[in-house]
Amino acid sequence: MFCGPDCKQTARKRSQGVSAERHLNVVSHRLRDHQEAVLAHCMGCEPDGLCRTATCRLRPVSPLPLAADVSA
């Protein structure tokens, strides 16, 4: 019924009266953590700030421009 343990826990907390505002704060914090982790990984891989690996699994969420896109 749930996509995973996090969704199940969120649904349980919502049913226990956790406010939508609190839920949004938690989700926003987690999103920021993930964005920072992706940026740190990408900058470790490509410190000059241009991704050169179009097939990278993080490419869809990477904040770095693809090197081929920059030269076009």
C-alpha atoms as a PDB file:
ATOM      1  CA  MET A   1       0.000   0.000   0.000  1.00  0.00           C
ATOM      2  CA  PHE A   2       2.970   2.330   0.588  1.00  0.00           C
ATOM      3  CA  CYS A   3       5.958   3.032  -1.633  1.00  0.00           C
ATOM      4  CA  GLY A   4       8.322   2.304   1.235  1.00  0.00           C
ATOM      5  CA  PRO A   5       8.958   2.548   4.976  1.00  0.00           C
ATOM      6  CA  ASP A   6       9.259   6.350   4.905  1.00  0.00           C
ATOM      7  CA  CYS A   7       5.849   6.739   3.270  1.00  0.00           C
ATOM      8  CA  LYS A   8       4.305   4.284   5.710  1.00  0.00           C
ATOM      9  CA  GLN A   9       5.794   6.170   8.673  1.00  0.00           C
ATOM     10  CA  THR A  10       4.604   9.493   7.249  1.00  0.00           C
ATOM     11  CA  ALA A  11       1.069   8.150   6.818  1.00  0.00           C
ATOM     12  CA  ARG A  12       1.077   6.838  10.398  1.00  0.00           C
ATOM     13  CA  LYS A  13       2.239  10.176  11.756  1.00  0.00           C
ATOM     14  CA  ARG A  14      -0.344  12.043   9.694  1.00  0.00           C
ATOM     15  CA  SER A  15      -3.072   9.828  11.122  1.00  0.00           C
ATOM     16  CA  GLN A  16      -1.739  10.615  14.608  1.00  0.00           C
ATOM     17  CA  GLY A  17      -2.238  14.321  14.036  1.00  0.00           C
ATOM     18  CA  VAL A  18       1.106  15.579  12.725  1.00  0.00           C
ATOM     19  CA  SER A  19       0.291  18.863  11.057  1.00  0.00           C
ATOM     20  CA  ALA A  20       0.677  19.404   7.335  1.00  0.00           C
ATOM     21  CA  GLU A  21       3.050  22.281   8.136  1.00  0.00           C
ATOM     22  CA  ARG A  22       5.312  20.013  10.214  1.00  0.00           C
ATOM     23  CA  HIS A  23       5.226  17.379   7.488  1.00  0.00           C
ATOM     24  CA  LEU A  24       6.185  19.999   4.892  1.00  0.00           C
ATOM     25  CA  ASN A  25       9.093  21.147   7.068  1.00  0.00           C
ATOM     26  CA  VAL A  26      10.415  17.586   7.348  1.00  0.00           C
ATOM     27  CA  VAL A  27      10.038  16.956   3.614  1.00  0.00           C
ATOM     28  CA  SER A  28      11.728  20.276   2.784  1.00  0.00           C
ATOM     29  CA  HIS A  29      14.637  19.458   5.095  1.00  0.00           C
ATOM     30  CA  ARG A  30      15.086  16.016   3.537  1.00  0.00           C
ATOM     31  CA  LEU A  31      14.954  17.479   0.028  1.00  0.00           C
ATOM     32  CA  ARG A  32      17.620  20.047   0.928  1.00  0.00           C
ATOM     33  CA  ASP A  33      19.799  17.272   2.381  1.00  0.00           C
ATOM     34  CA  HIS A  34      19.487  15.243  -0.813  1.00  0.00           C
ATOM     35  CA  GLN A  35      20.198  18.254  -3.021  1.00  0.00           C
ATOM     36  CA  GLU A  36      23.316  19.074  -1.000  1.00  0.00           C
ATOM     37  CA  ALA A  37      24.477  15.443  -1.176  1.00  0.00           C
ATOM     38  CA  VAL A  38      24.046  15.344  -4.959  1.00  0.00           C
ATOM     39  CA  LEU A  39      25.907  18.645  -5.357  1.00  0.00           C
ATOM     40  CA  ALA A  40      28.754  17.404  -3.135  1.00  0.00           C
ATOM     41  CA  HIS A  41      29.035  14.206  -5.164  1.00  0.00           C
ATOM     42  CA  CYS A  42      28.934  16.042  -8.485  1.00  0.00           C
ATOM     43  CA  MET A  43      31.521  18.613  -7.413  1.00  0.00           C
ATOM     44  CA  GLY A  44      33.766  15.781  -6.171  1.00  0.00           C
ATOM     45  CA  CYS A  45      33.495  14.088  -9.543  1.00  0.00           C
ATOM     46  CA  GLU A  46      33.741  17.277 -11.645  1.00  0.00           C
ATOM     47  CA  PRO A  47      35.356  20.034  -9.556  1.00  0.00           C
ATOM     48  CA  ASP A  48      35.340  22.476 -12.498  1.00  0.00           C
ATOM     49  CA  GLY A  49      31.524  22.501 -12.350  1.00  0.00           C
ATOM     50  CA  LEU A  50      30.747  20.868 -15.704  1.00  0.00           C
ATOM     51  CA  CYS A  51      29.402  17.335 -15.923  1.00  0.00           C
ATOM     52  CA  ARG A  52      31.139  15.344 -18.633  1.00  0.00           C
ATOM     53  CA  THR A  53      29.273  12.065 -18.134  1.00  0.00           C
ATOM     54  CA  ALA A  54      25.901  12.104 -19.883  1.00  0.00           C
ATOM     55  CA  THR A  55      25.205   8.558 -18.697  1.00  0.00           C
ATOM     56  CA  CYS A  56      25.732   9.326 -14.997  1.00  0.00           C
ATOM     57  CA  ARG A  57      22.869   7.983 -12.894  1.00  0.00           C
ATOM     58  CA  LEU A  58      22.668  11.347 -11.114  1.00  0.00           C
ATOM     59  CA  ARG A  59      22.458  13.273 -14.392  1.00  0.00           C
ATOM     60  CA  PRO A  60      18.659  13.794 -14.137  1.00  0.00           C
ATOM     61  CA  VAL A  61      19.071  15.554 -10.771  1.00  0.00           C
ATOM     62  CA  SER A  62      22.561  17.026 -11.105  1.00  0.00           C
ATOM     63  CA  PRO A  63      22.748  20.790 -10.660  1.00  0.00           C
ATOM     64  CA  LEU A  64      25.794  20.888 -12.957  1.00  0.00           C
ATOM     65  CA  PRO A  65      25.326  21.639 -16.638  1.00  0.00           C
ATOM     66  CA  LEU A  66      26.359  18.912 -19.051  1.00  0.00           C
ATOM     67  CA  ALA A  67      29.592  19.959 -20.794  1.00  0.00           C
ATOM     68  CA  ALA A  68      28.101  19.233 -24.227  1.00  0.00           C
ATOM     69  CA  ASP A  69      25.179  21.599 -23.480  1.00  0.00           C
ATOM     70  CA  VAL A  70      27.564  24.454 -22.608  1.00  0.00           C
ATOM     71  CA  SER A  71      29.533  24.306 -25.851  1.00  0.00           C
ATOM     72  CA  ALA A  72      26.412  24.223 -28.042  1.00  0.00           C
END
